[in-house]
PDB file of N, CA and C in Angstrom:
ATOM      1  N   MET A   1     -32.381 -25.491  13.012  1.00  0.00           N
ATOM      2  CA  MET A   1     -31.482 -26.110  13.651  1.00  0.00           C
ATOM      3  C   MET A   1     -30.159 -26.142  12.854  1.00  0.00           C
ATOM      4  N   GLN A   2     -30.159 -26.292  11.416  1.00  0.00           N
ATOM      5  CA  GLN A   2     -28.827 -26.576  10.751  1.00  0.00           C
ATOM      6  C   GLN A   2     -28.265 -25.232  10.344  1.00  0.00           C
ATOM      7  N   GLN A   3     -29.136 -24.119  10.557  1.00  0.00           N
ATOM      8  CA  GLN A   3     -28.484 -22.845  10.366  1.00  0.00           C
ATOM      9  C   GLN A   3     -27.528 -22.604  11.621  1.00  0.00           C
ATOM     10  N   GLU A   4     -28.164 -22.988  12.694  1.00  0.00           N
ATOM     11  CA  GLU A   4     -27.187 -22.719  13.845  1.00  0.00           C
ATOM     12  C   GLU A   4     -26.146 -23.306  14.060  1.00  0.00           C
ATOM     13  N   GLN A   5     -25.949 -24.724  13.888  1.00  0.00           N
ATOM     14  CA  GLN A   5     -25.058 -25.743  13.496  1.00  0.00           C
ATOM     15  C   GLN A   5     -23.816 -24.704  12.494  1.00  0.00           C
ATOM     16  N   ALA A   6     -24.646 -24.577  11.456  1.00  0.00           N
ATOM     17  CA  ALA A   6     -23.652 -23.757  10.435  1.00  0.00           C
ATOM     18  C   ALA A   6     -22.947 -22.639  11.058  1.00  0.00           C
ATOM     19  N   LEU A   7     -23.682 -21.805  11.579  1.00  0.00           N
ATOM     20  CA  LEU A   7     -23.200 -20.612  12.545  1.00  0.00           C
ATOM     21  C   LEU A   7     -22.179 -20.745  13.268  1.00  0.00           C
ATOM     22  N   LEU A   8     -22.489 -22.071  14.017  1.00  0.00           N
ATOM     23  CA  LEU A   8     -21.379 -22.478  15.159  1.00  0.00           C
ATOM     24  C   LEU A   8     -20.063 -22.787  14.423  1.00  0.00           C
ATOM     25  N   LEU A   9     -20.214 -23.535  13.427  1.00  0.00           N
ATOM     26  CA  LEU A   9     -18.985 -24.129  12.780  1.00  0.00           C
ATOM     27  C   LEU A   9     -18.256 -22.737  12.019  1.00  0.00           C
ATOM     28  N   ILE A  10     -19.001 -21.856  11.601  1.00  0.00           N
ATOM     29  CA  ILE A  10     -18.359 -20.558  11.082  1.00  0.00           C
ATOM     30  C   ILE A  10     -17.779 -19.701  12.011  1.00  0.00           C
ATOM     31  N   ALA A  11     -18.235 -19.992  13.369  1.00  0.00           N
ATOM     32  CA  ALA A  11     -17.559 -18.934  14.605  1.00  0.00           C
ATOM     33  C   ALA A  11     -16.267 -19.559  15.017  1.00  0.00           C
ATOM     34  N   LYS A  12     -16.199 -20.813  15.130  1.00  0.00           N
ATOM     35  CA  LYS A  12     -15.107 -21.750  15.390  1.00  0.00           C
ATOM     36  C   LYS A  12     -14.171 -21.557  14.371  1.00  0.00           C
ATOM     37  N   GLN A  13     -14.643 -21.560  12.999  1.00  0.00           N
ATOM     38  CA  GLN A  13     -13.906 -21.318  12.006  1.00  0.00           C
ATOM     39  C   GLN A  13     -12.871 -19.845  12.021  1.00  0.00           C
ATOM     40  N   LEU A  14     -13.766 -19.054  12.456  1.00  0.00           N
ATOM     41  CA  LEU A  14     -13.177 -17.775  12.516  1.00  0.00           C
ATOM     42  C   LEU A  14     -12.251 -17.387  13.544  1.00  0.00           C
ATOM     43  N   GLU A  15     -12.627 -17.769  14.767  1.00  0.00           N
ATOM     44  CA  GLU A  15     -11.868 -18.138  16.009  1.00  0.00           C
ATOM     45  C   GLU A  15     -10.330 -18.596  15.715  1.00  0.00           C
ATOM     46  N   GLU A  16     -10.403 -19.781  14.882  1.00  0.00           N
ATOM     47  CA  GLU A  16      -9.095 -20.421  14.694  1.00  0.00           C
ATOM     48  C   GLU A  16      -8.285 -19.430  13.397  1.00  0.00           C
ATOM     49  N   ILE A  17      -8.890 -19.007  12.805  1.00  0.00           N
ATOM     50  CA  ILE A  17      -8.197 -17.928  11.911  1.00  0.00           C
ATOM     51  C   ILE A  17      -7.661 -16.820  12.559  1.00  0.00           C
ATOM     52  N   ILE A  18      -8.506 -16.043  13.288  1.00  0.00           N
ATOM     53  CA  ILE A  18      -8.194 -14.961  14.149  1.00  0.00           C
ATOM     54  C   ILE A  18      -6.794 -15.301  14.839  1.00  0.00           C
ATOM     55  N   ALA A  19      -6.841 -16.804  15.783  1.00  0.00           N
ATOM     56  CA  ALA A  19      -5.636 -16.974  16.324  1.00  0.00           C
ATOM     57  C   ALA A  19      -4.484 -17.311  15.721  1.00  0.00           C
ATOM     58  N   ILE A  20      -4.519 -17.777  14.310  1.00  0.00           N
ATOM     59  CA  ILE A  20      -3.564 -17.672  13.561  1.00  0.00           C
ATOM     60  C   ILE A  20      -3.194 -16.721  13.192  1.00  0.00           C
ATOM     61  N   LEU A  21      -3.964 -15.355  12.869  1.00  0.00           N
ATOM     62  CA  LEU A  21      -3.412 -14.518  12.310  1.00  0.00           C
ATOM     63  C   LEU A  21      -2.495 -13.748  13.367  1.00  0.00           C
ATOM     64  N   GLU A  22      -3.118 -14.042  14.651  1.00  0.00           N
ATOM     65  CA  GLU A  22      -2.540 -13.242  15.938  1.00  0.00           C
ATOM     66  C   GLU A  22      -0.936 -13.944  16.186  1.00  0.00           C
ATOM     67  N   LYS A  23      -0.889 -15.144  16.036  1.00  0.00           N
ATOM     68  CA  LYS A  23       0.389 -15.947  15.975  1.00  0.00           C
ATOM     69  C   LYS A  23       1.303 -15.184  15.060  1.00  0.00           C
ATOM     70  N   GLN A  24       0.958 -15.224  13.661  1.00  0.00           N
ATOM     71  CA  GLN A  24       1.928 -14.783  12.853  1.00  0.00           C
ATOM     72  C   GLN A  24       2.315 -13.525  13.043  1.00  0.00           C
ATOM     73  N   GLU A  25       1.330 -12.350  13.209  1.00  0.00           N
ATOM     74  CA  GLU A  25       1.566 -11.225  14.050  1.00  0.00           C
ATOM     75  C   GLU A  25       2.658 -10.954  14.920  1.00  0.00           C
ATOM     76  N   SER A  26       2.508 -11.861  16.017  1.00  0.00           N
ATOM     77  CA  SER A  26       3.473 -11.923  17.114  1.00  0.00           C
ATOM     78  C   SER A  26       4.824 -12.374  16.642  1.00  0.00           C
ATOM     79  N   ALA A  27       4.973 -13.423  15.857  1.00  0.00           N
ATOM     80  CA  ALA A  27       6.186 -14.036  15.447  1.00  0.00           C
ATOM     81  C   ALA A  27       6.860 -13.083  14.650  1.00  0.00           C
ATOM     82  N   LYS A  28       6.181 -12.305  13.609  1.00  0.00           N
ATOM     83  CA  LYS A  28       6.880 -11.219  12.827  1.00  0.00           C
ATOM     84  C   LYS A  28       7.368 -10.123  13.849  1.00  0.00           C
ATOM     85  N   THR A  29       6.845  -9.642  14.535  1.00  0.00           N
ATOM     86  CA  THR A  29       7.466  -8.777  15.373  1.00  0.00           C
ATOM     87  C   THR A  29       8.505  -8.944  16.413  1.00  0.00           C
ATOM     88  N   GLU A  30       8.620 -10.137  16.820  1.00  0.00           N
ATOM     89  CA  GLU A  30       9.702 -10.948  17.453  1.00  0.00           C
ATOM     90  C   GLU A  30      10.613 -10.920  16.681  1.00  0.00           C
ATOM     91  N   SER A  31      10.856 -11.627  15.178  1.00  0.00           N
ATOM     92  CA  SER A  31      11.822 -11.856  14.439  1.00  0.00           C
ATOM     93  C   SER A  31      12.433 -10.497  14.135  1.00  0.00           C
ATOM     94  N   VAL A  32      11.608  -9.495  13.619  1.00  0.00           N
ATOM     95  CA  VAL A  32      12.341  -8.264  12.962  1.00  0.00           C
ATOM     96  C   VAL A  32      12.569  -7.387  14.101  1.00  0.00           C
ATOM     97  N   GLY A  33      11.996  -7.301  15.130  1.00  0.00           N
ATOM     98  CA  GLY A  33      12.288  -6.351  16.286  1.00  0.00           C
ATOM     99  C   GLY A  33      11.213  -5.414  16.409  1.00  0.00           C
ATOM    100  N   LYS A  34      11.600  -4.082  16.831  1.00  0.00           N
ATOM    101  CA  LYS A  34      10.693  -3.029  16.628  1.00  0.00           C
ATOM    102  C   LYS A  34      10.506  -2.674  15.202  1.00  0.00           C
ATOM    103  N   ILE A  35       9.165  -2.249  14.867  1.00  0.00           N
ATOM    104  CA  ILE A  35       8.892  -1.935  13.611  1.00  0.00           C
ATOM    105  C   ILE A  35       8.469  -0.323  13.703  1.00  0.00           C
ATOM    106  N   GLY A  36       9.105   0.485  13.069  1.00  0.00           N
ATOM    107  CA  GLY A  36       8.678   1.833  13.149  1.00  0.00           C
ATOM    108  C   GLY A  36       9.417   2.861  12.169  1.00  0.00           C
ATOM    109  N   ARG A  37       9.410   4.053  12.563  1.00  0.00           N
ATOM    110  CA  ARG A  37       9.940   4.933  11.653  1.00  0.00           C
ATOM    111  C   ARG A  37      11.452   4.864  11.693  1.00  0.00           C
ATOM    112  N   PRO A  38      12.385   5.162  10.737  1.00  0.00           N
ATOM    113  CA  PRO A  38      13.643   4.869  10.957  1.00  0.00           C
ATOM    114  C   PRO A  38      13.964   6.118  11.914  1.00  0.00           C
ATOM    115  N   SER A  39      15.466   5.974  12.399  1.00  0.00           N
ATOM    116  CA  SER A  39      15.742   6.889  13.320  1.00  0.00           C
ATOM    117  C   SER A  39      16.424   8.116  12.729  1.00  0.00           C
ATOM    118  N   LYS A  40      16.230   9.128  13.308  1.00  0.00           N
ATOM    119  CA  LYS A  40      16.581  10.632  12.531  1.00  0.00           C
ATOM    120  C   LYS A  40      18.374  10.141  12.088  1.00  0.00           C
ATOM    121  N   GLU A  41      18.812   9.920  12.648  1.00  0.00           N
ATOM    122  CA  GLU A  41      20.799   9.294  11.993  1.00  0.00           C
ATOM    123  C   GLU A  41      20.519   8.704  10.783  1.00  0.00           C
ATOM    124  N   ARG A  42      19.712   7.575  10.869  1.00  0.00           N
ATOM    125  CA  ARG A  42      19.456   6.726   9.677  1.00  0.00           C
ATOM    126  C   ARG A  42      19.153   7.467   8.169  1.00  0.00           C
ATOM    127  N   ILE A  43      18.219   8.378   8.764  1.00  0.00           N
ATOM    128  CA  ILE A  43      17.451   9.535   7.729  1.00  0.00           C
ATOM    129  C   ILE A  43      18.524  10.410   6.757  1.00  0.00           C
ATOM    130  N   VAL A  44      19.539  10.787   7.856  1.00  0.00           N
ATOM    131  CA  VAL A  44      20.651  11.645   7.333  1.00  0.00           C
ATOM    132  C   VAL A  44      21.569  10.730   6.458  1.00  0.00           C
ATOM    133  N   PHE A  45      22.037   9.720   6.916  1.00  0.00           N
ATOM    134  CA  PHE A  45      22.880   8.883   6.554  1.00  0.00           C
ATOM    135  C   PHE A  45      22.544   8.379   4.942  1.00  0.00           C
ATOM    136  N   ARG A  46      21.126   7.967   5.050  1.00  0.00           N
ATOM    137  CA  ARG A  46      20.533   7.488   3.831  1.00  0.00           C
ATOM    138  C   ARG A  46      20.531   8.506   2.711  1.00  0.00           C
ATOM    139  N   TYR A  47      20.259   9.813   3.129  1.00  0.00           N
ATOM    140  CA  TYR A  47      20.288  10.883   2.206  1.00  0.00           C
ATOM    141  C   TYR A  47      21.891  11.372   1.932  1.00  0.00           C
ATOM    142  N   ARG A  48      22.621  11.127   2.614  1.00  0.00           N
ATOM    143  CA  ARG A  48      24.395  11.537   2.101  1.00  0.00           C
ATOM    144  C   ARG A  48      24.620  10.438   1.127  1.00  0.00           C
ATOM    145  N   ASP A  49      24.150   9.035   1.713  1.00  0.00           N
ATOM    146  CA  ASP A  49      24.433   8.234   0.489  1.00  0.00           C
ATOM    147  C   ASP A  49      23.759   8.367  -0.835  1.00  0.00           C
ATOM    148  N   ASN A  50      22.599   8.572  -0.987  1.00  0.00           N
ATOM    149  CA  ASN A  50      21.982   8.906  -2.264  1.00  0.00           C
ATOM    150  C   ASN A  50      22.565  10.235  -2.644  1.00  0.00           C
ATOM    151  N   TYR A  51      22.699  11.256  -2.135  1.00  0.00           N
ATOM    152  CA  TYR A  51      23.138  12.508  -2.639  1.00  0.00           C
ATOM    153  C   TYR A  51      24.550  12.819  -1.932  1.00  0.00           C
ATOM    154  N   PRO A  52      25.749  12.134  -2.193  1.00  0.00           N
ATOM    155  CA  PRO A  52      27.123  12.630  -1.426  1.00  0.00           C
ATOM    156  C   PRO A  52      27.441  14.159  -1.820  1.00  0.00           C
ATOM    157  N   SER A  53      27.044  14.734  -3.028  1.00  0.00           N
ATOM    158  CA  SER A  53      27.388  16.140  -3.208  1.00  0.00           C
ATOM    159  C   SER A  53      26.624  17.008  -2.527  1.00  0.00           C
ATOM    160  N   ALA A  54      25.465  16.786  -1.939  1.00  0.00           N
ATOM    161  CA  ALA A  54      24.548  17.545  -1.285  1.00  0.00           C
ATOM    162  C   ALA A  54      25.132  18.179   0.279  1.00  0.00           C
ATOM    163  N   ARG A  55      24.226  19.560   0.143  1.00  0.00           N
ATOM    164  CA  ARG A  55      24.662  20.238   1.447  1.00  0.00           C
ATOM    165  C   ARG A  55      23.590  19.892   2.589  1.00  0.00           C
ATOM    166  N   LYS A  56      24.159  20.781   3.761  1.00  0.00           N
ATOM    167  CA  LYS A  56      23.042  20.264   4.894  1.00  0.00           C
ATOM    168  C   LYS A  56      21.676  20.786   4.465  1.00  0.00           C
ATOM    169  N   SER A  57      21.867  22.250   4.178  1.00  0.00           N
ATOM    170  CA  SER A  57      20.477  22.634   3.574  1.00  0.00           C
ATOM    171  C   SER A  57      19.524  22.072   2.628  1.00  0.00           C
ATOM    172  N   ASP A  58      20.421  21.192   1.802  1.00  0.00           N
ATOM    173  CA  ASP A  58      19.522  20.489   0.756  1.00  0.00           C
ATOM    174  C   ASP A  58      18.838  19.340   1.701  1.00  0.00           C
ATOM    175  N   CYS A  59      19.464  18.733   2.543  1.00  0.00           N
ATOM    176  CA  CYS A  59      19.075  17.464   3.226  1.00  0.00           C
ATOM    177  C   CYS A  59      17.964  17.972   4.487  1.00  0.00           C
ATOM    178  N   VAL A  60      17.976  19.415   4.936  1.00  0.00           N
ATOM    179  CA  VAL A  60      17.011  19.922   5.661  1.00  0.00           C
ATOM    180  C   VAL A  60      15.649  19.935   4.783  1.00  0.00           C
ATOM    181  N   ARG A  61      15.672  20.705   3.541  1.00  0.00           N
ATOM    182  CA  ARG A  61      14.832  20.573   2.806  1.00  0.00           C
ATOM    183  C   ARG A  61      14.006  19.405   2.493  1.00  0.00           C
ATOM    184  N   ALA A  62      14.635  18.276   2.028  1.00  0.00           N
ATOM    185  CA  ALA A  62      14.158  17.368   1.360  1.00  0.00           C
ATOM    186  C   ALA A  62      13.596  16.192   2.380  1.00  0.00           C
ATOM    187  N   THR A  63      14.442  16.502   3.720  1.00  0.00           N
ATOM    188  CA  THR A  63      13.879  15.196   4.706  1.00  0.00           C
ATOM    189  C   THR A  63      12.935  15.768   5.854  1.00  0.00           C
ATOM    190  N   GLY A  64      12.826  17.402   5.969  1.00  0.00           N
ATOM    191  CA  GLY A  64      12.066  18.021   6.738  1.00  0.00           C
ATOM    192  C   GLY A  64      12.787  17.935   8.281  1.00  0.00           C
ATOM    193  N   LEU A  65      13.671  17.583   8.494  1.00  0.00           N
ATOM    194  CA  LEU A  65      14.402  17.564   9.963  1.00  0.00           C
ATOM    195  C   LEU A  65      14.914  18.744   9.858  1.00  0.00           C
ATOM    196  N   SER A  66      15.122  18.985  11.321  1.00  0.00           N
ATOM    197  CA  SER A  66      15.585  20.390  11.854  1.00  0.00           C
ATOM    198  C   SER A  66      17.172  20.830  11.400  1.00  0.00           C
ATOM    199  N   ILE A  67      17.846  21.640  11.302  1.00  0.00           N
ATOM    200  CA  ILE A  67      18.934  21.861  10.936  1.00  0.00           C
ATOM    201  C   ILE A  67      19.714  21.432  11.983  1.00  0.00           C
ATOM    202  N   LYS A  68      19.603  21.559  13.307  1.00  0.00           N
ATOM    203  CA  LYS A  68      20.431  21.100  14.531  1.00  0.00           C
ATOM    204  C   LYS A  68      20.335  19.386  14.151  1.00  0.00           C
ATOM    205  N   THR A  69      19.438  19.239  13.920  1.00  0.00           N
ATOM    206  CA  THR A  69      19.460  17.473  13.598  1.00  0.00           C
ATOM    207  C   THR A  69      20.260  16.831  12.788  1.00  0.00           C
ATOM    208  N   VAL A  70      20.195  17.402  11.649  1.00  0.00           N
ATOM    209  CA  VAL A  70      21.082  17.099  10.371  1.00  0.00           C
ATOM    210  C   VAL A  70      22.399  17.540  10.728  1.00  0.00           C
ATOM    211  N   SER A  71      22.967  18.509  11.289  1.00  0.00           N
ATOM    212  CA  SER A  71      24.011  19.166  11.783  1.00  0.00           C
ATOM    213  C   SER A  71      24.665  17.771  12.902  1.00  0.00           C
ATOM    214  N   LYS A  72      23.749  17.534  13.660  1.00  0.00           N
ATOM    215  CA  LYS A  72      24.389  16.513  14.692  1.00  0.00           C
ATOM    216  C   LYS A  72      25.031  15.240  13.782  1.00  0.00           C
ATOM    217  N   TYR A  73      24.254  14.980  13.081  1.00  0.00           N
ATOM    218  CA  TYR A  73      24.756  13.594  12.231  1.00  0.00           C
ATOM    219  C   TYR A  73      25.441  13.795  10.999  1.00  0.00           C
ATOM    220  N   TRP A  74      25.344  14.980  10.552  1.00  0.00           N
ATOM    221  CA  TRP A  74      26.472  15.224   9.220  1.00  0.00           C
ATOM    222  C   TRP A  74      27.671  14.837   9.489  1.00  0.00           C
ATOM    223  N   ALA A  75      28.199  15.446  10.767  1.00  0.00           N
ATOM    224  CA  ALA A  75      29.535  15.161  10.880  1.00  0.00           C
ATOM    225  C   ALA A  75      29.995  13.730  11.300  1.00  0.00           C
ATOM    226  N   SER A  76      29.098  13.158  12.292  1.00  0.00           N
ATOM    227  CA  SER A  76      29.416  11.773  12.402  1.00  0.00           C
ATOM    228  C   SER A  76      29.609  10.954  10.866  1.00  0.00           C
ATOM    229  N   TRP A  77      28.450  11.100   9.870  1.00  0.00           N
ATOM    230  CA  TRP A  77      28.787  10.540   8.863  1.00  0.00           C
ATOM    231  C   TRP A  77      29.989  10.702   7.897  1.00  0.00           C
ATOM    232  N   ASP A  78      30.733  11.866   8.358  1.00  0.00           N
ATOM    233  CA  ASP A  78      31.852  12.108   7.728  1.00  0.00           C
ATOM    234  C   ASP A  78      33.114  11.349   8.474  1.00  0.00           C
ATOM    235  N   THR A  79      32.851  11.071   9.534  1.00  0.00           N
ATOM    236  CA  THR A  79      34.206  10.453  10.227  1.00  0.00           C
ATOM    237  C   THR A  79      33.932   8.675  10.148  1.00  0.00           C
ATOM    238  N   ASP A  80      32.752   8.426   9.860  1.00  0.00           N
ATOM    239  CA  ASP A  80      32.259   6.756   9.524  1.00  0.00           C
ATOM    240  C   ASP A  80      33.087   6.526   8.101  1.00  0.00           C
ATOM    241  N   GLU A  81      32.970   7.668   7.252  1.00  0.00           N
ATOM    242  CA  GLU A  81      33.433   7.553   5.696  1.00  0.00           C
ATOM    243  C   GLU A  81      34.968   7.485   6.100  1.00  0.00           C
ATOM    244  N   ILE A  82      35.655   8.643   6.731  1.00  0.00           N
ATOM    245  CA  ILE A  82      36.970   8.368   6.800  1.00  0.00           C
ATOM    246  C   ILE A  82      37.750   7.079   7.252  1.00  0.00           C
ATOM    247  N   ASP A  83      36.728   6.685   8.514  1.00  0.00           N
ATOM    248  CA  ASP A  83      37.417   5.412   9.130  1.00  0.00           C
ATOM    249  C   ASP A  83      37.144   4.157   8.301  1.00  0.00           C
ATOM    250  N   SER A  84      36.246   4.054   7.496  1.00  0.00           N
ATOM    251  CA  SER A  84      36.087   2.957   6.424  1.00  0.00           C
ATOM    252  C   SER A  84      37.061   3.129   5.457  1.00  0.00           C
ATOM    253  N   GLU A  85      37.634   4.347   4.836  1.00  0.00           N
ATOM    254  CA  GLU A  85      38.814   4.424   4.219  1.00  0.00           C
ATOM    255  C   GLU A  85      39.786   4.167   4.467  1.00  0.00           C
ATOM    256  N   ALA A  86      39.949   4.519   5.699  1.00  0.00           N
ATOM    257  CA  ALA A  86      41.399   4.292   6.798  1.00  0.00           C
ATOM    258  C   ALA A  86      41.595   2.653   6.789  1.00  0.00           C
ATOM    259  N   SER A  87      40.642   1.815   7.003  1.00  0.00           N
ATOM    260  CA  SER A  87      40.655   0.386   7.009  1.00  0.00           C
ATOM    261  C   SER A  87      40.893  -0.238   5.777  1.00  0.00           C
ATOM    262  N   TYR A  88      40.626   0.632   4.598  1.00  0.00           N
ATOM    263  CA  TYR A  88      41.177  -0.216   3.146  1.00  0.00           C
ATOM    264  C   TYR A  88      42.770  -0.205   2.762  1.00  0.00           C
ATOM    265  N   LYS A  89      43.179   0.982   3.352  1.00  0.00           N
ATOM    266  CA  LYS A  89      44.640   1.253   2.960  1.00  0.00           C
ATOM    267  C   LYS A  89      45.466   0.425   3.720  1.00  0.00           C
TER     268      LYS A  89
END
């Protein structure tokens, strides 16, 4: 009889813990937004920020992205850099 009561108490506590964890997980995804891998554009931009003298082929080898993808975002990083320099003058 005491074992049954103890098991019921443990089951209730587990349900409460699971409910708390589910609330925390849903709150985390709501506040952060979508969690997943970074966009291809962001990968190229980070690579260029870390290695400003690198070539496209270096980026392709390091990131595993295709040359078409790297080329697509390579040029847009250059224009962002030019735009930011123009705003400082």
